[in-house]
Amino acid sequence: MGRTVLTYRQRLDAELEKWGSFEKALLKNERETFNSLIGHVYHYAHAASMYPERDPFDLFLMSGLLSHEERLRSLEKDLKQRMKLDARMAP
């Protein structure tokens, strides 16, 4: 017996194909940003695959938001650490 339900990655690939014209309309640097976002979204495929009943675009958005939140927290942590170091060096 074969698989009857598409995997999340297959559903995401199909969804992204629908966005092909949008991607082509972007400027080169915007396309690079778009493709970077897609790469980050695939990072959360393991979690998104647990929700086969959800619209793949909903999962795409949540994965993108998680990626941004994770990166923002990392930047904030780095900034706070640098600020502490800078405060110690002030006269």
N, C-alpha and C. Protein backbone atom coordinates (compact mmCIF):
# COMPACT_ATOMS: atom_id res chain seq x y z
N MET A 1 0.83 -1.18 0.00
CA MET A 1 0.00 0.00 0.00
C MET A 1 0.88 1.24 0.00
N GLY A 2 0.48 2.19 -0.79
CA GLY A 2 1.23 3.43 -0.88
C GLY A 2 0.68 4.49 0.05
N ARG A 3 1.41 5.55 0.14
CA ARG A 3 1.01 6.69 0.96
C ARG A 3 -0.11 7.43 0.24
N THR A 4 -1.18 7.75 0.97
CA THR A 4 -2.32 8.43 0.35
C THR A 4 -2.33 9.93 0.64
N VAL A 5 -1.57 10.34 1.64
CA VAL A 5 -1.52 11.75 2.02
C VAL A 5 -0.14 12.29 1.68
N LEU A 6 -0.11 13.45 1.03
CA LEU A 6 1.17 14.07 0.70
C LEU A 6 1.89 14.49 1.98
N THR A 7 3.20 14.42 1.97
CA THR A 7 3.98 14.90 3.11
C THR A 7 3.92 16.43 3.14
N TYR A 8 4.28 16.98 4.28
CA TYR A 8 4.29 18.45 4.38
C TYR A 8 5.24 19.05 3.35
N ARG A 9 6.39 18.47 3.17
CA ARG A 9 7.35 19.00 2.19
C ARG A 9 6.76 19.00 0.78
N GLN A 10 6.04 17.94 0.44
CA GLN A 10 5.40 17.89 -0.88
C GLN A 10 4.32 18.96 -1.00
N ARG A 11 3.55 19.13 0.06
CA ARG A 11 2.50 20.15 0.05
C ARG A 11 3.10 21.55 0.00
N LEU A 12 4.20 21.75 0.73
CA LEU A 12 4.87 23.05 0.71
C LEU A 12 5.46 23.33 -0.66
N ASP A 13 6.08 22.34 -1.27
CA ASP A 13 6.61 22.51 -2.63
C ASP A 13 5.50 22.92 -3.59
N ALA A 14 4.34 22.27 -3.49
CA ALA A 14 3.21 22.61 -4.36
C ALA A 14 2.74 24.04 -4.11
N GLU A 15 2.70 24.43 -2.84
CA GLU A 15 2.28 25.79 -2.49
C GLU A 15 3.27 26.82 -3.05
N LEU A 16 4.55 26.52 -2.91
CA LEU A 16 5.57 27.46 -3.39
C LEU A 16 5.58 27.58 -4.91
N GLU A 17 5.19 26.52 -5.59
CA GLU A 17 5.07 26.59 -7.05
C GLU A 17 4.04 27.63 -7.45
N LYS A 18 2.99 27.77 -6.65
CA LYS A 18 1.95 28.77 -6.92
C LYS A 18 2.51 30.19 -6.81
N TRP A 19 3.58 30.35 -6.03
CA TRP A 19 4.19 31.66 -5.81
C TRP A 19 5.33 31.94 -6.79
N GLY A 20 5.49 31.07 -7.79
CA GLY A 20 6.58 31.22 -8.75
C GLY A 20 6.58 32.56 -9.47
N SER A 21 5.41 33.02 -9.91
CA SER A 21 5.34 34.30 -10.62
C SER A 21 5.69 35.46 -9.71
N PHE A 22 5.27 35.36 -8.45
CA PHE A 22 5.60 36.40 -7.47
C PHE A 22 7.10 36.47 -7.29
N GLU A 23 7.73 35.32 -7.13
CA GLU A 23 9.18 35.27 -6.95
C GLU A 23 9.90 35.86 -8.15
N LYS A 24 9.45 35.53 -9.34
CA LYS A 24 10.09 36.04 -10.57
C LYS A 24 9.95 37.55 -10.69
N ALA A 25 8.88 38.11 -10.12
CA ALA A 25 8.65 39.55 -10.20
C ALA A 25 9.52 40.34 -9.22
N LEU A 26 10.12 39.66 -8.26
CA LEU A 26 10.96 40.33 -7.27
C LEU A 26 12.29 40.74 -7.89
N LEU A 27 12.88 41.79 -7.34
CA LEU A 27 14.22 42.19 -7.72
C LEU A 27 15.20 41.14 -7.22
N LYS A 28 16.41 41.15 -7.74
CA LYS A 28 17.38 40.12 -7.40
C LYS A 28 17.61 40.00 -5.89
N ASN A 29 17.85 41.12 -5.21
CA ASN A 29 18.11 41.06 -3.77
C ASN A 29 16.86 40.63 -3.01
N GLU A 30 15.68 41.00 -3.51
CA GLU A 30 14.44 40.57 -2.88
C GLU A 30 14.24 39.06 -3.06
N ARG A 31 14.62 38.56 -4.22
CA ARG A 31 14.52 37.13 -4.50
C ARG A 31 15.44 36.34 -3.56
N GLU A 32 16.62 36.89 -3.31
CA GLU A 32 17.54 36.24 -2.38
C GLU A 32 16.94 36.19 -0.97
N THR A 33 16.28 37.27 -0.56
CA THR A 33 15.62 37.31 0.74
C THR A 33 14.47 36.31 0.78
N PHE A 34 13.69 36.26 -0.27
CA PHE A 34 12.57 35.32 -0.37
C PHE A 34 13.07 33.89 -0.25
N ASN A 35 14.12 33.56 -0.98
CA ASN A 35 14.67 32.21 -0.94
C ASN A 35 15.29 31.89 0.42
N SER A 36 15.84 32.88 1.08
CA SER A 36 16.36 32.68 2.43
C SER A 36 15.22 32.34 3.38
N LEU A 37 14.11 33.06 3.26
CA LEU A 37 12.94 32.79 4.09
C LEU A 37 12.45 31.36 3.86
N ILE A 38 12.40 30.95 2.62
CA ILE A 38 11.96 29.59 2.30
C ILE A 38 12.89 28.57 2.93
N GLY A 39 14.18 28.83 2.90
CA GLY A 39 15.13 27.93 3.54
C GLY A 39 14.89 27.82 5.03
N HIS A 40 14.58 28.94 5.68
CA HIS A 40 14.30 28.92 7.11
C HIS A 40 13.00 28.18 7.39
N VAL A 41 12.04 28.30 6.49
CA VAL A 41 10.76 27.62 6.67
C VAL A 41 10.94 26.10 6.62
N TYR A 42 11.79 25.63 5.73
CA TYR A 42 12.04 24.19 5.65
C TYR A 42 12.69 23.66 6.93
N HIS A 43 13.34 24.54 7.66
CA HIS A 43 13.96 24.15 8.93
C HIS A 43 12.93 23.63 9.93
N TYR A 44 11.69 24.10 9.83
CA TYR A 44 10.62 23.71 10.75
C TYR A 44 9.69 22.66 10.16
N ALA A 45 10.12 22.00 9.10
CA ALA A 45 9.29 20.99 8.45
C ALA A 45 8.92 19.85 9.41
N HIS A 46 9.82 19.52 10.32
CA HIS A 46 9.53 18.44 11.27
C HIS A 46 8.31 18.75 12.12
N ALA A 47 8.15 19.99 12.54
CA ALA A 47 7.00 20.38 13.35
C ALA A 47 5.75 20.52 12.49
N ALA A 48 5.90 21.13 11.32
CA ALA A 48 4.76 21.34 10.44
C ALA A 48 4.17 20.03 9.94
N SER A 49 5.00 19.01 9.82
CA SER A 49 4.52 17.73 9.33
C SER A 49 3.57 17.06 10.31
N MET A 50 3.51 17.55 11.54
CA MET A 50 2.61 16.98 12.54
C MET A 50 1.17 17.47 12.36
N TYR A 51 0.95 18.39 11.41
CA TYR A 51 -0.37 18.97 11.19
C TYR A 51 -0.81 18.79 9.74
N PRO A 52 -1.09 17.56 9.32
CA PRO A 52 -1.44 17.33 7.91
C PRO A 52 -2.76 17.97 7.50
N GLU A 53 -3.62 18.29 8.47
CA GLU A 53 -4.92 18.87 8.13
C GLU A 53 -4.84 20.39 7.90
N ARG A 54 -3.72 21.00 8.27
CA ARG A 54 -3.58 22.46 8.13
C ARG A 54 -3.21 22.85 6.72
N ASP A 55 -3.63 24.04 6.34
CA ASP A 55 -3.25 24.60 5.05
C ASP A 55 -1.73 24.80 5.05
N PRO A 56 -1.04 24.36 4.00
CA PRO A 56 0.42 24.51 4.00
C PRO A 56 0.88 25.96 4.10
N PHE A 57 0.06 26.90 3.61
CA PHE A 57 0.46 28.30 3.71
C PHE A 57 0.42 28.77 5.17
N ASP A 58 -0.56 28.30 5.94
CA ASP A 58 -0.60 28.63 7.37
C ASP A 58 0.67 28.14 8.06
N LEU A 59 1.07 26.92 7.73
CA LEU A 59 2.28 26.35 8.33
C LEU A 59 3.52 27.09 7.86
N PHE A 60 3.52 27.52 6.59
CA PHE A 60 4.61 28.32 6.05
C PHE A 60 4.75 29.62 6.85
N LEU A 61 3.61 30.29 7.08
CA LEU A 61 3.65 31.55 7.83
C LEU A 61 4.15 31.34 9.26
N MET A 62 3.64 30.32 9.93
CA MET A 62 4.05 30.08 11.31
C MET A 62 5.54 29.73 11.37
N SER A 63 6.01 28.95 10.42
CA SER A 63 7.43 28.60 10.38
C SER A 63 8.28 29.85 10.14
N GLY A 64 7.82 30.72 9.25
CA GLY A 64 8.54 31.97 8.99
C GLY A 64 8.57 32.85 10.22
N LEU A 65 7.45 32.93 10.93
CA LEU A 65 7.40 33.73 12.16
C LEU A 65 8.33 33.14 13.23
N LEU A 66 8.33 31.84 13.36
CA LEU A 66 9.23 31.20 14.33
C LEU A 66 10.69 31.48 13.99
N SER A 67 11.00 31.42 12.72
CA SER A 67 12.36 31.69 12.28
C SER A 67 12.77 33.12 12.64
N HIS A 68 11.88 34.06 12.36
CA HIS A 68 12.18 35.45 12.68
C HIS A 68 12.31 35.66 14.19
N GLU A 69 11.43 35.05 14.96
CA GLU A 69 11.50 35.18 16.41
C GLU A 69 12.81 34.61 16.96
N GLU A 70 13.19 33.46 16.43
CA GLU A 70 14.44 32.83 16.87
C GLU A 70 15.64 33.73 16.55
N ARG A 71 15.65 34.28 15.36
CA ARG A 71 16.76 35.15 14.96
C ARG A 71 16.74 36.45 15.74
N LEU A 72 15.56 37.00 16.01
CA LEU A 72 15.44 38.22 16.78
C LEU A 72 15.94 38.02 18.22
N ARG A 73 15.56 36.91 18.82
CA ARG A 73 16.03 36.62 20.18
C ARG A 73 17.54 36.47 20.22
N SER A 74 18.09 35.84 19.22
CA SER A 74 19.54 35.68 19.16
C SER A 74 20.23 37.03 19.05
N LEU A 75 19.70 37.91 18.20
CA LEU A 75 20.27 39.25 18.06
C LEU A 75 20.14 40.06 19.35
N GLU A 76 18.97 39.95 20.02
CA GLU A 76 18.77 40.67 21.27
C GLU A 76 19.75 40.18 22.34
N LYS A 77 19.94 38.87 22.42
CA LYS A 77 20.87 38.31 23.38
C LYS A 77 22.28 38.82 23.11
N ASP A 78 22.68 38.82 21.85
CA ASP A 78 24.00 39.31 21.47
C ASP A 78 24.14 40.79 21.79
N LEU A 79 23.12 41.57 21.50
CA LEU A 79 23.16 43.00 21.77
C LEU A 79 23.27 43.28 23.27
N LYS A 80 22.48 42.55 24.07
CA LYS A 80 22.55 42.75 25.53
C LYS A 80 23.94 42.40 26.05
N GLN A 81 24.52 41.34 25.53
CA GLN A 81 25.86 40.94 25.96
C GLN A 81 26.88 42.01 25.60
N ARG A 82 26.76 42.55 24.40
CA ARG A 82 27.70 43.60 23.98
C ARG A 82 27.52 44.86 24.79
N MET A 83 26.26 45.18 25.14
CA MET A 83 26.01 46.38 25.95
C MET A 83 26.62 46.22 27.33
N LYS A 84 26.55 45.02 27.91
CA LYS A 84 27.16 44.79 29.22
C LYS A 84 28.67 44.96 29.13
N LEU A 85 29.26 44.44 28.07
CA LEU A 85 30.70 44.58 27.88
C LEU A 85 31.09 46.05 27.70
N ASP A 86 30.30 46.78 26.93
CA ASP A 86 30.57 48.19 26.69
C ASP A 86 30.45 49.00 27.99
N ALA A 87 29.49 48.65 28.83
CA ALA A 87 29.28 49.37 30.09
C ALA A 87 30.49 49.18 31.01
N ARG A 88 31.09 48.00 30.99
CA ARG A 88 32.25 47.74 31.84
C ARG A 88 33.47 48.52 31.37
N MET A 89 33.52 48.84 30.10
CA MET A 89 34.69 49.54 29.56
C MET A 89 34.54 51.06 29.62
N ALA A 90 33.35 51.54 29.96
CA ALA A 90 33.14 52.98 30.02
C ALA A 90 33.92 53.57 31.20
N PRO A 91 34.42 54.82 31.04
CA PRO A 91 35.20 55.44 32.12
C PRO A 91 34.37 55.80 33.33
